[in-house]
């Protein structure tokens, strides 16, 4: 890996950065001691919005699905069975 002194880095920064863009990182040294390593910043992959369009349907009640169960969890009333029925909707036991 190429090492340049501070003065050379300031004088030729554009050229050095072009090299980094081509995959050639470098080190900046002060008084002969390495101080900074200059490398290319990794770019995150672009988000692919809409790539599954038409492959599934979101139900109309999606935002309300399992609302009773979620509320019961917050209130500490849910037993985890997945069969939660709010007290006001329960059938009397025979």
C-alpha atoms as a PDB file:
ATOM      1  CA  UNK A   1       0.000   0.000   0.000  1.00  0.00           C
ATOM      2  CA  UNK A   2       1.293   3.423  -0.958  1.00  0.00           C
ATOM      3  CA  UNK A   3       2.400   5.802   1.817  1.00  0.00           C
ATOM      4  CA  UNK A   4       2.553   9.556   1.251  1.00  0.00           C
ATOM      5  CA  UNK A   5       3.593  12.390   3.535  1.00  0.00           C
ATOM      6  CA  UNK A   6       1.204  15.114   4.640  1.00  0.00           C
ATOM      7  CA  UNK A   7       2.523  17.698   2.161  1.00  0.00           C
ATOM      8  CA  UNK A   8       2.242  15.315  -0.797  1.00  0.00           C
ATOM      9  CA  UNK A   9      -1.304  14.334   0.271  1.00  0.00           C
ATOM     10  CA  UNK A  10      -2.387  17.998   0.358  1.00  0.00           C
ATOM     11  CA  UNK A  11      -0.707  18.762  -2.962  1.00  0.00           C
ATOM     12  CA  UNK A  12      -2.023  15.731  -4.874  1.00  0.00           C
ATOM     13  CA  UNK A  13      -5.259  14.929  -3.029  1.00  0.00           C
ATOM     14  CA  UNK A  14      -7.448  14.767  -6.158  1.00  0.00           C
ATOM     15  CA  UNK A  15      -5.075  12.333  -7.873  1.00  0.00           C
ATOM     16  CA  UNK A  16      -4.794  10.204  -4.736  1.00  0.00           C
ATOM     17  CA  UNK A  17      -8.577  10.058  -4.312  1.00  0.00           C
ATOM     18  CA  UNK A  18      -8.954   8.966  -7.943  1.00  0.00           C
ATOM     19  CA  UNK A  19      -6.604   6.101  -7.126  1.00  0.00           C
ATOM     20  CA  UNK A  20      -8.722   5.149  -4.119  1.00  0.00           C
ATOM     21  CA  UNK A  21     -11.796   5.072  -6.371  1.00  0.00           C
ATOM     22  CA  UNK A  22      -9.914   2.576  -8.553  1.00  0.00           C
ATOM     23  CA  UNK A  23      -9.213   0.373  -5.539  1.00  0.00           C
ATOM     24  CA  UNK A  24      -5.822   1.749  -4.503  1.00  0.00           C
ATOM     25  CA  UNK A  25      -6.046   2.898  -0.845  1.00  0.00           C
ATOM     26  CA  UNK A  26      -3.124   4.831   0.636  1.00  0.00           C
ATOM     27  CA  UNK A  27      -1.670   5.891   3.981  1.00  0.00           C
ATOM     28  CA  UNK A  28      -0.845   9.455   5.023  1.00  0.00           C
ATOM     29  CA  UNK A  29       2.200   9.730   7.274  1.00  0.00           C
ATOM     30  CA  UNK A  30       3.445  12.549   9.490  1.00  0.00           C
ATOM     31  CA  UNK A  31       7.184  12.594  10.190  1.00  0.00           C
ATOM     32  CA  UNK A  32       7.411   9.129   8.648  1.00  0.00           C
ATOM     33  CA  UNK A  33       4.824   7.587  10.984  1.00  0.00           C
ATOM     34  CA  UNK A  34       1.517   6.297   9.538  1.00  0.00           C
ATOM     35  CA  UNK A  35      -1.407   8.419  10.744  1.00  0.00           C
ATOM     36  CA  UNK A  36      -4.377   7.875   8.425  1.00  0.00           C
ATOM     37  CA  UNK A  37      -5.459   5.131   6.033  1.00  0.00           C
ATOM     38  CA  UNK A  38      -7.605   6.413   3.164  1.00  0.00           C
ATOM     39  CA  UNK A  39      -9.970   3.822   1.706  1.00  0.00           C
ATOM     40  CA  UNK A  40     -13.154   3.820  -0.317  1.00  0.00           C
ATOM     41  CA  UNK A  41     -16.373   4.216   1.682  1.00  0.00           C
ATOM     42  CA  UNK A  42     -18.624   1.211   1.193  1.00  0.00           C
ATOM     43  CA  UNK A  43     -21.983   2.186  -0.257  1.00  0.00           C
ATOM     44  CA  UNK A  44     -25.059   0.269   0.916  1.00  0.00           C
ATOM     45  CA  UNK A  45     -26.941  -1.639  -1.734  1.00  0.00           C
ATOM     46  CA  UNK A  46     -29.791   0.426  -3.175  1.00  0.00           C
ATOM     47  CA  UNK A  47     -33.236  -0.388  -1.803  1.00  0.00           C
ATOM     48  CA  UNK A  48     -35.410  -2.240  -4.250  1.00  0.00           C
ATOM     49  CA  UNK A  49     -38.867  -0.844  -3.612  1.00  0.00           C
ATOM     50  CA  UNK A  50     -41.693  -2.641  -5.358  1.00  0.00           C
ATOM     51  CA  UNK A  51     -39.699  -5.704  -6.400  1.00  0.00           C
ATOM     52  CA  UNK A  52     -42.459  -8.045  -5.148  1.00  0.00           C
ATOM     53  CA  UNK A  53     -45.341  -6.023  -6.543  1.00  0.00           C
ATOM     54  CA  UNK A  54     -48.224  -8.246  -7.567  1.00  0.00           C
ATOM     55  CA  UNK A  55     -46.826 -11.372  -5.881  1.00  0.00           C
ATOM     56  CA  UNK A  56     -49.027 -11.158  -2.788  1.00  0.00           C
ATOM     57  CA  UNK A  57     -51.935  -9.225  -1.354  1.00  0.00           C
ATOM     58  CA  UNK A  58     -52.048  -7.339   1.919  1.00  0.00           C
ATOM     59  CA  UNK A  59     -55.411  -7.952   3.640  1.00  0.00           C
ATOM     60  CA  UNK A  60     -57.643  -4.914   4.141  1.00  0.00           C
ATOM     61  CA  UNK A  61     -57.639  -5.508   7.898  1.00  0.00           C
ATOM     62  CA  UNK A  62     -53.832  -5.806   8.113  1.00  0.00           C
ATOM     63  CA  UNK A  63     -53.483  -2.913  10.559  1.00  0.00           C
ATOM     64  CA  UNK A  64     -56.156  -4.391  12.830  1.00  0.00           C
ATOM     65  CA  UNK A  65     -55.063  -8.022  12.701  1.00  0.00           C
ATOM     66  CA  UNK A  66     -54.533  -9.539  16.148  1.00  0.00           C
ATOM     67  CA  UNK A  67     -55.281  -6.185  17.828  1.00  0.00           C
ATOM     68  CA  UNK A  68     -56.985  -7.926  20.772  1.00  0.00           C
ATOM     69  CA  UNK A  69     -54.031 -10.258  21.298  1.00  0.00           C
ATOM     70  CA  UNK A  70     -51.539  -7.402  21.138  1.00  0.00           C
ATOM     71  CA  UNK A  71     -53.517  -5.321  23.611  1.00  0.00           C
ATOM     72  CA  UNK A  72     -53.804  -8.334  25.947  1.00  0.00           C
ATOM     73  CA  UNK A  73     -50.012  -8.786  25.789  1.00  0.00           C
ATOM     74  CA  UNK A  74     -49.482  -5.186  26.883  1.00  0.00           C
ATOM     75  CA  UNK A  75     -51.962  -5.632  29.694  1.00  0.00           C
ATOM     76  CA  UNK A  76     -50.408  -8.923  30.845  1.00  0.00           C
ATOM     77  CA  UNK A  77     -53.587 -10.890  30.111  1.00  0.00           C
ATOM     78  CA  UNK A  78     -52.374 -13.004  27.192  1.00  0.00           C
ATOM     79  CA  UNK A  79     -51.438 -16.616  27.911  1.00  0.00           C
ATOM     80  CA  UNK A  80     -49.466 -17.175  24.692  1.00  0.00           C
ATOM     81  CA  UNK A  81     -51.797 -19.869  23.377  1.00  0.00           C
ATOM     82  CA  UNK A  82     -52.681 -17.926  20.258  1.00  0.00           C
ATOM     83  CA  UNK A  83     -56.333 -18.509  21.065  1.00  0.00           C
ATOM     84  CA  UNK A  84     -56.982 -15.322  23.016  1.00  0.00           C
ATOM     85  CA  UNK A  85     -60.633 -14.346  23.318  1.00  0.00           C
ATOM     86  CA  UNK A  86     -61.397 -11.115  25.171  1.00  0.00           C
ATOM     87  CA  UNK A  87     -63.518 -11.635  28.281  1.00  0.00           C
ATOM     88  CA  UNK A  88     -66.489  -9.785  26.770  1.00  0.00           C
ATOM     89  CA  UNK A  89     -66.539 -12.198  23.790  1.00  0.00           C
ATOM     90  CA  UNK A  90     -66.088 -15.455  25.698  1.00  0.00           C
ATOM     91  CA  UNK A  91     -68.873 -18.032  25.691  1.00  0.00           C
ATOM     92  CA  UNK A  92     -70.077 -19.117  29.098  1.00  0.00           C
ATOM     93  CA  UNK A  93     -68.636 -22.444  30.151  1.00  0.00           C
ATOM     94  CA  UNK A  94     -71.164 -25.240  30.469  1.00  0.00           C
END
